[in-house]
PDB file of N, CA and C in Angstrom:
ATOM      1  N   MET A   1      90.951 104.073 102.445  1.00  0.00           N
ATOM      2  CA  MET A   1      91.786 104.538 101.829  1.00  0.00           C
ATOM      3  C   MET A   1      92.541 103.100 101.294  1.00  0.00           C
ATOM      4  N   GLU A   2      93.083 103.525  99.692  1.00  0.00           N
ATOM      5  CA  GLU A   2      94.007 102.383  99.748  1.00  0.00           C
ATOM      6  C   GLU A   2      94.894 103.341  98.790  1.00  0.00           C
ATOM      7  N   ARG A   3      96.465 103.401  98.142  1.00  0.00           N
ATOM      8  CA  ARG A   3      97.265 103.611  97.501  1.00  0.00           C
ATOM      9  C   ARG A   3      98.365 102.671  97.012  1.00  0.00           C
ATOM     10  N   ILE A   4      99.080 102.791  95.765  1.00  0.00           N
ATOM     11  CA  ILE A   4      99.823 101.894  95.399  1.00  0.00           C
ATOM     12  C   ILE A   4     101.037 102.250  95.858  1.00  0.00           C
ATOM     13  N   ALA A   5     101.796 101.459  96.102  1.00  0.00           N
ATOM     14  CA  ALA A   5     103.447 101.513  96.668  1.00  0.00           C
ATOM     15  C   ALA A   5     104.370 100.696  96.545  1.00  0.00           C
ATOM     16  N   ASP A   6     105.382 100.864  96.484  1.00  0.00           N
ATOM     17  CA  ASP A   6     106.871  99.835  96.247  1.00  0.00           C
ATOM     18  C   ASP A   6     106.529  99.065  97.303  1.00  0.00           C
ATOM     19  N   VAL A   7     106.165  97.446  97.608  1.00  0.00           N
ATOM     20  CA  VAL A   7     106.443  96.934  98.980  1.00  0.00           C
ATOM     21  C   VAL A   7     107.746  96.176  98.765  1.00  0.00           C
ATOM     22  N   ILE A   8     108.808  95.737  99.916  1.00  0.00           N
ATOM     23  CA  ILE A   8     109.717  95.403 100.016  1.00  0.00           C
ATOM     24  C   ILE A   8     109.424  93.143 100.714  1.00  0.00           C
ATOM     25  N   LEU A   9     109.224  92.581 100.133  1.00  0.00           N
ATOM     26  CA  LEU A   9     109.036  91.011 100.632  1.00  0.00           C
ATOM     27  C   LEU A   9     110.158  90.797 101.169  1.00  0.00           C
ATOM     28  N   ILE A  10     110.572  90.281 102.296  1.00  0.00           N
ATOM     29  CA  ILE A  10     111.424  90.148 102.833  1.00  0.00           C
ATOM     30  C   ILE A  10     111.354  87.885 103.728  1.00  0.00           C
ATOM     31  N   SER A  11     112.456  87.264 103.723  1.00  0.00           N
ATOM     32  CA  SER A  11     112.721  85.996 103.853  1.00  0.00           C
ATOM     33  C   SER A  11     113.508  86.284 104.672  1.00  0.00           C
ATOM     34  N   ILE A  12     113.914  85.097 105.443  1.00  0.00           N
ATOM     35  CA  ILE A  12     115.109  84.733 106.453  1.00  0.00           C
ATOM     36  C   ILE A  12     115.850  83.369 106.209  1.00  0.00           C
ATOM     37  N   LYS A  13     116.869  83.652 106.059  1.00  0.00           N
ATOM     38  CA  LYS A  13     117.610  82.497 105.973  1.00  0.00           C
ATOM     39  C   LYS A  13     117.858  81.724 106.885  1.00  0.00           C
ATOM     40  N   TYR A  14     117.581  80.529 107.529  1.00  0.00           N
ATOM     41  CA  TYR A  14     118.003  80.088 108.810  1.00  0.00           C
ATOM     42  C   TYR A  14     119.250  79.218 108.070  1.00  0.00           C
ATOM     43  N   ARG A  15     120.472  78.798 109.649  1.00  0.00           N
ATOM     44  CA  ARG A  15     120.689  78.286 109.660  1.00  0.00           C
ATOM     45  C   ARG A  15     121.307  77.409 111.033  1.00  0.00           C
ATOM     46  N   LEU A  16     122.046  76.178 111.110  1.00  0.00           N
ATOM     47  CA  LEU A  16     121.801  75.175 111.929  1.00  0.00           C
ATOM     48  C   LEU A  16     122.986  75.427 113.016  1.00  0.00           C
ATOM     49  N   ASP A  17     122.889  75.677 114.013  1.00  0.00           N
ATOM     50  CA  ASP A  17     124.143  76.172 115.304  1.00  0.00           C
ATOM     51  C   ASP A  17     124.891  74.699 115.602  1.00  0.00           C
ATOM     52  N   GLY A  18     125.527  74.566 116.450  1.00  0.00           N
ATOM     53  CA  GLY A  18     126.455  73.746 116.636  1.00  0.00           C
ATOM     54  C   GLY A  18     125.759  72.222 117.512  1.00  0.00           C
ATOM     55  N   ILE A  19     124.469  72.826 118.166  1.00  0.00           N
ATOM     56  CA  ILE A  19     123.432  72.029 118.194  1.00  0.00           C
ATOM     57  C   ILE A  19     122.172  71.934 117.895  1.00  0.00           C
ATOM     58  N   GLY A  20     122.189  71.332 116.646  1.00  0.00           N
ATOM     59  CA  GLY A  20     121.205  71.436 115.610  1.00  0.00           C
ATOM     60  C   GLY A  20     119.695  72.721 115.790  1.00  0.00           C
ATOM     61  N   GLN A  21     120.184  73.455 116.369  1.00  0.00           N
ATOM     62  CA  GLN A  21     119.218  74.923 116.757  1.00  0.00           C
ATOM     63  C   GLN A  21     119.105  75.859 115.507  1.00  0.00           C
ATOM     64  N   GLN A  22     118.098  76.558 114.944  1.00  0.00           N
ATOM     65  CA  GLN A  22     117.749  77.147 113.784  1.00  0.00           C
ATOM     66  C   GLN A  22     117.937  78.480 114.056  1.00  0.00           C
ATOM     67  N   ILE A  23     118.854  79.202 113.757  1.00  0.00           N
ATOM     68  CA  ILE A  23     119.570  80.550 114.111  1.00  0.00           C
ATOM     69  C   ILE A  23     119.153  81.428 112.856  1.00  0.00           C
ATOM     70  N   PRO A  24     118.614  82.617 112.817  1.00  0.00           N
ATOM     71  CA  PRO A  24     118.439  83.550 111.834  1.00  0.00           C
ATOM     72  C   PRO A  24     119.879  83.936 111.070  1.00  0.00           C
ATOM     73  N   GLY A  25     119.869  83.896 109.989  1.00  0.00           N
ATOM     74  CA  GLY A  25     120.597  84.176 109.112  1.00  0.00           C
ATOM     75  C   GLY A  25     120.386  85.462 108.615  1.00  0.00           C
ATOM     76  N   GLU A  26     121.103  85.809 107.243  1.00  0.00           N
ATOM     77  CA  GLU A  26     120.898  86.617 106.141  1.00  0.00           C
ATOM     78  C   GLU A  26     119.299  86.734 105.437  1.00  0.00           C
ATOM     79  N   GLU A  27     119.044  87.954 105.514  1.00  0.00           N
ATOM     80  CA  GLU A  27     117.315  88.243 104.595  1.00  0.00           C
ATOM     81  C   GLU A  27     117.692  88.162 103.050  1.00  0.00           C
ATOM     82  N   VAL A  28     116.884  87.913 102.875  1.00  0.00           N
ATOM     83  CA  VAL A  28     116.723  88.151 101.152  1.00  0.00           C
ATOM     84  C   VAL A  28     115.264  88.899 100.687  1.00  0.00           C
ATOM     85  N   ARG A  29     115.700  89.984 100.469  1.00  0.00           N
ATOM     86  CA  ARG A  29     114.829  90.931  99.825  1.00  0.00           C
ATOM     87  C   ARG A  29     114.307  91.390  98.562  1.00  0.00           C
ATOM     88  N   ARG A  30     113.100  91.360  98.471  1.00  0.00           N
ATOM     89  CA  ARG A  30     112.961  91.508  96.342  1.00  0.00           C
ATOM     90  C   ARG A  30     111.782  92.544  96.638  1.00  0.00           C
ATOM     91  N   SER A  31     111.210  93.337  95.789  1.00  0.00           N
ATOM     92  CA  SER A  31     111.029  94.896  95.335  1.00  0.00           C
ATOM     93  C   SER A  31     109.412  94.412  94.661  1.00  0.00           C
ATOM     94  N   VAL A  32     107.913  94.612  95.098  1.00  0.00           N
ATOM     95  CA  VAL A  32     107.152  93.880  94.171  1.00  0.00           C
ATOM     96  C   VAL A  32     106.189  95.305  94.449  1.00  0.00           C
ATOM     97  N   ILE A  33     105.310  95.591  93.273  1.00  0.00           N
ATOM     98  CA  ILE A  33     104.411  96.656  93.724  1.00  0.00           C
ATOM     99  C   ILE A  33     102.938  96.377  94.456  1.00  0.00           C
ATOM    100  N   GLY A  34     102.012  96.534  95.035  1.00  0.00           N
ATOM    101  CA  GLY A  34     101.110  96.136  95.787  1.00  0.00           C
ATOM    102  C   GLY A  34     100.431  97.285  95.970  1.00  0.00           C
ATOM    103  N   THR A  35      98.997  97.178  96.512  1.00  0.00           N
ATOM    104  CA  THR A  35      98.595  97.970  96.742  1.00  0.00           C
ATOM    105  C   THR A  35      97.839  98.135  98.411  1.00  0.00           C
ATOM    106  N   LEU A  36      97.988  99.445  99.086  1.00  0.00           N
ATOM    107  CA  LEU A  36      98.036  99.321 100.176  1.00  0.00           C
ATOM    108  C   LEU A  36      96.791  99.612 101.056  1.00  0.00           C
ATOM    109  N   HIS A  37      95.892  98.864 101.960  1.00  0.00           N
ATOM    110  CA  HIS A  37      94.334  99.040 102.027  1.00  0.00           C
ATOM    111  C   HIS A  37      94.829  98.993 103.606  1.00  0.00           C
ATOM    112  N   GLY A  38      93.309  99.601 104.246  1.00  0.00           N
ATOM    113  CA  GLY A  38      93.018  99.629 105.605  1.00  0.00           C
ATOM    114  C   GLY A  38      92.643  98.422 106.104  1.00  0.00           C
ATOM    115  N   ILE A  39      92.460  97.900 107.144  1.00  0.00           N
ATOM    116  CA  ILE A  39      91.936  96.622 107.541  1.00  0.00           C
ATOM    117  C   ILE A  39      90.378  96.956 108.171  1.00  0.00           C
ATOM    118  N   SER A  40      89.544  95.718 107.807  1.00  0.00           N
ATOM    119  CA  SER A  40      88.303  95.935 108.530  1.00  0.00           C
ATOM    120  C   SER A  40      88.299  96.142 109.975  1.00  0.00           C
ATOM    121  N   ARG A  41      87.312  96.669 110.951  1.00  0.00           N
ATOM    122  CA  ARG A  41      86.967  96.857 112.323  1.00  0.00           C
ATOM    123  C   ARG A  41      87.181  95.625 112.352  1.00  0.00           C
ATOM    124  N   GLN A  42      86.779  93.965 111.906  1.00  0.00           N
ATOM    125  CA  GLN A  42      86.403  93.041 112.706  1.00  0.00           C
ATOM    126  C   GLN A  42      87.621  92.378 112.270  1.00  0.00           C
ATOM    127  N   GLU A  43      88.650  92.519 111.377  1.00  0.00           N
ATOM    128  CA  GLU A  43      89.941  91.567 111.593  1.00  0.00           C
ATOM    129  C   GLU A  43      90.870  92.750 112.454  1.00  0.00           C
ATOM    130  N   TRP A  44      90.595  94.304 112.604  1.00  0.00           N
ATOM    131  CA  TRP A  44      91.336  94.699 113.882  1.00  0.00           C
ATOM    132  C   TRP A  44      91.074  93.888 115.242  1.00  0.00           C
ATOM    133  N   ALA A  45      89.560  93.816 115.244  1.00  0.00           N
ATOM    134  CA  ALA A  45      89.227  93.067 116.571  1.00  0.00           C
ATOM    135  C   ALA A  45      89.460  91.734 116.966  1.00  0.00           C
ATOM    136  N   SER A  46      89.444  90.902 115.944  1.00  0.00           N
ATOM    137  CA  SER A  46      90.156  89.232 115.988  1.00  0.00           C
ATOM    138  C   SER A  46      91.474  89.670 116.334  1.00  0.00           C
ATOM    139  N   VAL A  47      92.529  90.172 115.662  1.00  0.00           N
ATOM    140  CA  VAL A  47      93.852  90.033 115.530  1.00  0.00           C
ATOM    141  C   VAL A  47      93.848  90.808 117.127  1.00  0.00           C
ATOM    142  N   ALA A  48      93.841  91.988 117.643  1.00  0.00           N
ATOM    143  CA  ALA A  48      94.091  92.691 118.655  1.00  0.00           C
ATOM    144  C   ALA A  48      93.583  91.658 120.245  1.00  0.00           C
ATOM    145  N   GLN A  49      92.331  90.874 119.958  1.00  0.00           N
ATOM    146  CA  GLN A  49      92.123  90.225 120.836  1.00  0.00           C
ATOM    147  C   GLN A  49      93.132  89.157 121.490  1.00  0.00           C
ATOM    148  N   ALA A  50      94.094  88.859 120.301  1.00  0.00           N
ATOM    149  CA  ALA A  50      95.172  87.866 120.347  1.00  0.00           C
ATOM    150  C   ALA A  50      97.020  88.767 120.835  1.00  0.00           C
ATOM    151  N   GLY A  51      96.081  90.208 121.352  1.00  0.00           N
ATOM    152  CA  GLY A  51      97.388  90.777 121.901  1.00  0.00           C
ATOM    153  C   GLY A  51      98.154  91.384 120.544  1.00  0.00           C
ATOM    154  N   LEU A  52      98.122  91.474 119.414  1.00  0.00           N
ATOM    155  CA  LEU A  52      98.950  91.579 118.564  1.00  0.00           C
ATOM    156  C   LEU A  52      98.614  92.888 117.827  1.00  0.00           C
ATOM    157  N   ASN A  53      98.749  93.580 117.451  1.00  0.00           N
ATOM    158  CA  ASN A  53      98.650  95.341 116.795  1.00  0.00           C
ATOM    159  C   ASN A  53      98.559  95.338 115.023  1.00  0.00           C
ATOM    160  N   PRO A  54      97.843  94.714 114.126  1.00  0.00           N
ATOM    161  CA  PRO A  54      97.701  94.602 113.032  1.00  0.00           C
ATOM    162  C   PRO A  54      97.619  96.266 112.624  1.00  0.00           C
ATOM    163  N   GLN A  55      98.439  96.026 111.416  1.00  0.00           N
ATOM    164  CA  GLN A  55      98.610  97.747 110.935  1.00  0.00           C
ATOM    165  C   GLN A  55      97.563  97.700 109.291  1.00  0.00           C
ATOM    166  N   GLY A  56      97.993  96.681 108.355  1.00  0.00           N
ATOM    167  CA  GLY A  56      97.126  96.594 107.427  1.00  0.00           C
ATOM    168  C   GLY A  56      97.166  95.898 106.358  1.00  0.00           C
ATOM    169  N   MET A  57      96.615  95.798 104.996  1.00  0.00           N
ATOM    170  CA  MET A  57      96.592  94.824 104.171  1.00  0.00           C
ATOM    171  C   MET A  57      96.966  95.290 102.970  1.00  0.00           C
ATOM    172  N   VAL A  58      98.018  94.611 102.080  1.00  0.00           N
ATOM    173  CA  VAL A  58      98.732  94.895 100.997  1.00  0.00           C
ATOM    174  C   VAL A  58      97.775  93.602  99.909  1.00  0.00           C
ATOM    175  N   PHE A  59      97.671  94.350  98.698  1.00  0.00           N
ATOM    176  CA  PHE A  59      97.055  93.356  97.755  1.00  0.00           C
ATOM    177  C   PHE A  59      98.236  93.379  96.753  1.00  0.00           C
ATOM    178  N   LEU A  60      98.507  92.320  96.591  1.00  0.00           N
ATOM    179  CA  LEU A  60      99.032  91.960  95.292  1.00  0.00           C
ATOM    180  C   LEU A  60      98.578  91.242  94.015  1.00  0.00           C
ATOM    181  N   ARG A  61      98.895  91.914  93.225  1.00  0.00           N
ATOM    182  CA  ARG A  61      98.107  91.246  91.876  1.00  0.00           C
ATOM    183  C   ARG A  61      98.032  89.824  91.467  1.00  0.00           C
ATOM    184  N   ASP A  62      99.308  89.569  91.581  1.00  0.00           N
ATOM    185  CA  ASP A  62      99.433  87.752  91.002  1.00  0.00           C
ATOM    186  C   ASP A  62      99.579  87.295  92.287  1.00  0.00           C
ATOM    187  N   GLU A  63      99.276  86.287  92.642  1.00  0.00           N
ATOM    188  CA  GLU A  63      99.184  85.294  93.800  1.00  0.00           C
ATOM    189  C   GLU A  63     100.866  85.100  93.314  1.00  0.00           C
ATOM    190  N   ALA A  64     101.379  84.819  92.180  1.00  0.00           N
ATOM    191  CA  ALA A  64     102.978  83.944  92.109  1.00  0.00           C
ATOM    192  C   ALA A  64     104.130  85.558  92.721  1.00  0.00           C
ATOM    193  N   ASP A  65     103.317  86.417  92.852  1.00  0.00           N
ATOM    194  CA  ASP A  65     104.442  87.413  93.297  1.00  0.00           C
ATOM    195  C   ASP A  65     104.919  87.106  94.670  1.00  0.00           C
ATOM    196  N   TYR A  66     104.210  86.780  95.602  1.00  0.00           N
ATOM    197  CA  TYR A  66     104.297  86.054  97.093  1.00  0.00           C
ATOM    198  C   TYR A  66     104.721  84.603  97.121  1.00  0.00           C
ATOM    199  N   LYS A  67     106.068  84.517  97.930  1.00  0.00           N
ATOM    200  CA  LYS A  67     106.856  83.188  98.244  1.00  0.00           C
ATOM    201  C   LYS A  67     106.776  82.873  99.222  1.00  0.00           C
ATOM    202  N   LYS A  68     106.120  82.840  99.947  1.00  0.00           N
ATOM    203  CA  LYS A  68     105.820  82.617 101.621  1.00  0.00           C
ATOM    204  C   LYS A  68     106.694  83.675 102.251  1.00  0.00           C
ATOM    205  N   GLU A  69     107.180  84.519 102.330  1.00  0.00           N
ATOM    206  CA  GLU A  69     108.226  85.295 102.776  1.00  0.00           C
ATOM    207  C   GLU A  69     107.330  85.990 104.238  1.00  0.00           C
ATOM    208  N   SER A  70     107.846  86.052 105.063  1.00  0.00           N
ATOM    209  CA  SER A  70     107.812  86.445 106.559  1.00  0.00           C
ATOM    210  C   SER A  70     107.394  87.535 106.498  1.00  0.00           C
ATOM    211  N   PHE A  71     108.143  88.458 106.553  1.00  0.00           N
ATOM    212  CA  PHE A  71     108.306  90.347 106.753  1.00  0.00           C
ATOM    213  C   PHE A  71     107.623  90.812 105.121  1.00  0.00           C
ATOM    214  N   LEU A  72     107.176  92.113 105.449  1.00  0.00           N
ATOM    215  CA  LEU A  72     107.338  92.873 104.420  1.00  0.00           C
ATOM    216  C   LEU A  72     108.000  94.371 104.796  1.00  0.00           C
ATOM    217  N   GLU A  73     108.343  95.434 104.266  1.00  0.00           N
ATOM    218  CA  GLU A  73     108.884  96.745 104.353  1.00  0.00           C
ATOM    219  C   GLU A  73     108.365  97.676 103.683  1.00  0.00           C
ATOM    220  N   ILE A  74     107.457  98.708 104.102  1.00  0.00           N
ATOM    221  CA  ILE A  74     106.554  99.983 103.564  1.00  0.00           C
ATOM    222  C   ILE A  74     107.760 100.911 104.027  1.00  0.00           C
ATOM    223  N   GLU A  75     108.157 101.828 103.166  1.00  0.00           N
ATOM    224  CA  GLU A  75     108.673 103.160 103.239  1.00  0.00           C
ATOM    225  C   GLU A  75     109.545 102.854 104.481  1.00  0.00           C
ATOM    226  N   GLY A  76     110.682 101.889 104.659  1.00  0.00           N
ATOM    227  CA  GLY A  76     111.301 102.067 105.626  1.00  0.00           C
ATOM    228  C   GLY A  76     110.989 100.892 106.613  1.00  0.00           C
ATOM    229  N   GLU A  77     109.795 100.653 106.883  1.00  0.00           N
ATOM    230  CA  GLU A  77     109.075  99.984 107.846  1.00  0.00           C
ATOM    231  C   GLU A  77     108.803  98.769 108.135  1.00  0.00           C
ATOM    232  N   LYS A  78     109.375  97.667 109.120  1.00  0.00           N
ATOM    233  CA  LYS A  78     109.484  96.166 108.414  1.00  0.00           C
ATOM    234  C   LYS A  78     108.138  95.916 109.422  1.00  0.00           C
ATOM    235  N   TYR A  79     107.469  94.914 108.930  1.00  0.00           N
ATOM    236  CA  TYR A  79     106.166  94.259 109.686  1.00  0.00           C
ATOM    237  C   TYR A  79     106.071  93.114 109.523  1.00  0.00           C
ATOM    238  N   PHE A  80     105.856  92.081 110.087  1.00  0.00           N
ATOM    239  CA  PHE A  80     105.562  90.735 109.870  1.00  0.00           C
ATOM    240  C   PHE A  80     104.615  90.542 109.194  1.00  0.00           C
ATOM    241  N   ILE A  81     103.929  89.721 108.175  1.00  0.00           N
ATOM    242  CA  ILE A  81     102.587  89.094 107.997  1.00  0.00           C
ATOM    243  C   ILE A  81     102.500  87.922 108.383  1.00  0.00           C
ATOM    244  N   TYR A  82     101.030  88.451 109.370  1.00  0.00           N
ATOM    245  CA  TYR A  82     100.313  87.298 109.936  1.00  0.00           C
ATOM    246  C   TYR A  82      99.529  86.485 109.274  1.00  0.00           C
ATOM    247  N   ARG A  83      98.853  86.582 108.314  1.00  0.00           N
ATOM    248  CA  ARG A  83      97.739  86.217 107.633  1.00  0.00           C
ATOM    249  C   ARG A  83      97.994  86.444 106.206  1.00  0.00           C
ATOM    250  N   THR A  84      97.689  85.442 105.129  1.00  0.00           N
ATOM    251  CA  THR A  84      97.483  85.283 103.913  1.00  0.00           C
ATOM    252  C   THR A  84      96.191  84.976 103.192  1.00  0.00           C
ATOM    253  N   TYR A  85      95.543  85.577 102.066  1.00  0.00           N
ATOM    254  CA  TYR A  85      94.626  85.316 101.799  1.00  0.00           C
ATOM    255  C   TYR A  85      94.084  85.228 100.595  1.00  0.00           C
ATOM    256  N   PRO A  86      94.577  84.131  99.317  1.00  0.00           N
ATOM    257  CA  PRO A  86      94.529  84.007  98.714  1.00  0.00           C
ATOM    258  C   PRO A  86      92.581  84.658  97.977  1.00  0.00           C
ATOM    259  N   THR A  87      93.083  85.145  96.736  1.00  0.00           N
ATOM    260  CA  THR A  87      91.964  86.448  95.731  1.00  0.00           C
ATOM    261  C   THR A  87      91.384  85.742  94.988  1.00  0.00           C
ATOM    262  N   GLU A  88      89.905  85.528  94.684  1.00  0.00           N
ATOM    263  CA  GLU A  88      88.982  84.831  93.441  1.00  0.00           C
ATOM    264  C   GLU A  88      89.729  85.227  92.125  1.00  0.00           C
ATOM    265  N   ASP A  89      90.234  86.686  91.708  1.00  0.00           N
ATOM    266  CA  ASP A  89      90.732  86.734  90.736  1.00  0.00           C
ATOM    267  C   ASP A  89      92.552  86.569  90.888  1.00  0.00           C
ATOM    268  N   GLY A  90      93.280  85.667  91.506  1.00  0.00           N
ATOM    269  CA  GLY A  90      94.496  85.735  91.219  1.00  0.00           C
ATOM    270  C   GLY A  90      95.457  86.577  91.589  1.00  0.00           C
ATOM    271  N   GLY A  91      94.690  87.165  92.891  1.00  0.00           N
ATOM    272  CA  GLY A  91      96.020  88.017  93.451  1.00  0.00           C
ATOM    273  C   GLY A  91      95.791  87.447  94.914  1.00  0.00           C
ATOM    274  N   ILE A  92      96.885  88.273  95.906  1.00  0.00           N
ATOM    275  CA  ILE A  92      96.427  87.472  97.088  1.00  0.00           C
ATOM    276  C   ILE A  92      96.881  88.948  98.280  1.00  0.00           C
ATOM    277  N   GLU A  93      96.111  88.552  99.481  1.00  0.00           N
ATOM    278  CA  GLU A  93      96.285  89.700 100.062  1.00  0.00           C
ATOM    279  C   GLU A  93      96.869  89.575 101.322  1.00  0.00           C
ATOM    280  N   LEU A  94      97.747  90.414 102.107  1.00  0.00           N
ATOM    281  CA  LEU A  94      98.765  89.977 103.037  1.00  0.00           C
ATOM    282  C   LEU A  94      98.663  91.257 104.271  1.00  0.00           C
ATOM    283  N   TYR A  95      98.227  90.192 105.371  1.00  0.00           N
ATOM    284  CA  TYR A  95      97.966  91.030 106.550  1.00  0.00           C
ATOM    285  C   TYR A  95      99.152  91.150 107.156  1.00  0.00           C
ATOM    286  N   TYR A  96      99.439  92.514 107.709  1.00  0.00           N
ATOM    287  CA  TYR A  96     100.556  92.978 108.324  1.00  0.00           C
ATOM    288  C   TYR A  96     100.110  93.789 109.787  1.00  0.00           C
ATOM    289  N   ARG A  97     101.363  93.128 110.573  1.00  0.00           N
ATOM    290  CA  ARG A  97     101.382  93.852 111.776  1.00  0.00           C
ATOM    291  C   ARG A  97     102.252  94.369 112.402  1.00  0.00           C
ATOM    292  N   GLU A  98     102.565  95.135 113.197  1.00  0.00           N
ATOM    293  CA  GLU A  98     104.056  95.607 113.770  1.00  0.00           C
ATOM    294  C   GLU A  98     105.095  94.281 113.810  1.00  0.00           C
ATOM    295  N   VAL A  99     106.150  94.455 113.543  1.00  0.00           N
ATOM    296  CA  VAL A  99     107.029  93.558 114.027  1.00  0.00           C
ATOM    297  C   VAL A  99     107.530  93.871 116.189  1.00  0.00           C
ATOM    298  N   THR A 100     107.809  92.804 116.379  1.00  0.00           N
ATOM    299  CA  THR A 100     107.987  93.226 117.852  1.00  0.00           C
ATOM    300  C   THR A 100     109.371  91.829 118.232  1.00  0.00           C
ATOM    301  N   GLY A 101     109.999  91.881 119.507  1.00  0.00           N
ATOM    302  CA  GLY A 101     110.549  90.954 119.596  1.00  0.00           C
ATOM    303  C   GLY A 101     112.459  91.635 118.815  1.00  0.00           C
ATOM    304  N   VAL A 102     113.257  90.315 119.053  1.00  0.00           N
ATOM    305  CA  VAL A 102     114.045  90.239 118.533  1.00  0.00           C
ATOM    306  C   VAL A 102     113.884  89.900 116.892  1.00  0.00           C
ATOM    307  N   ALA A 103     113.206  89.850 116.471  1.00  0.00           N
ATOM    308  CA  ALA A 103     113.137  89.576 114.595  1.00  0.00           C
ATOM    309  C   ALA A 103     113.401  91.204 114.122  1.00  0.00           C
ATOM    310  N   ARG A 104     113.193  92.240 114.812  1.00  0.00           N
ATOM    311  CA  ARG A 104     113.564  93.570 114.189  1.00  0.00           C
ATOM    312  C   ARG A 104     114.598  93.417 113.934  1.00  0.00           C
TER     313      ARG A 104
END
């Protein structure tokens, strides 16, 4: 199943604390249009073996739309981008999973 959706790409700006550790700061959000796809059984199995819960894939028609963001949001749900794959036609596939821990 595939459908077109408004996708919010999210990057995190980090700042240094008093001892030089990176602390998450503000989120930078921008909206793009993408096509939502399910993932193959093979992709699901390989990611699930690592103890992760893969959710799906977003295809962006132009690779330049992706600026190395770490997260995406679809319909109010935030996900972590765990893998990207540039396609031969100049697009990019963003594979995402549930966000766990403090990054939520």
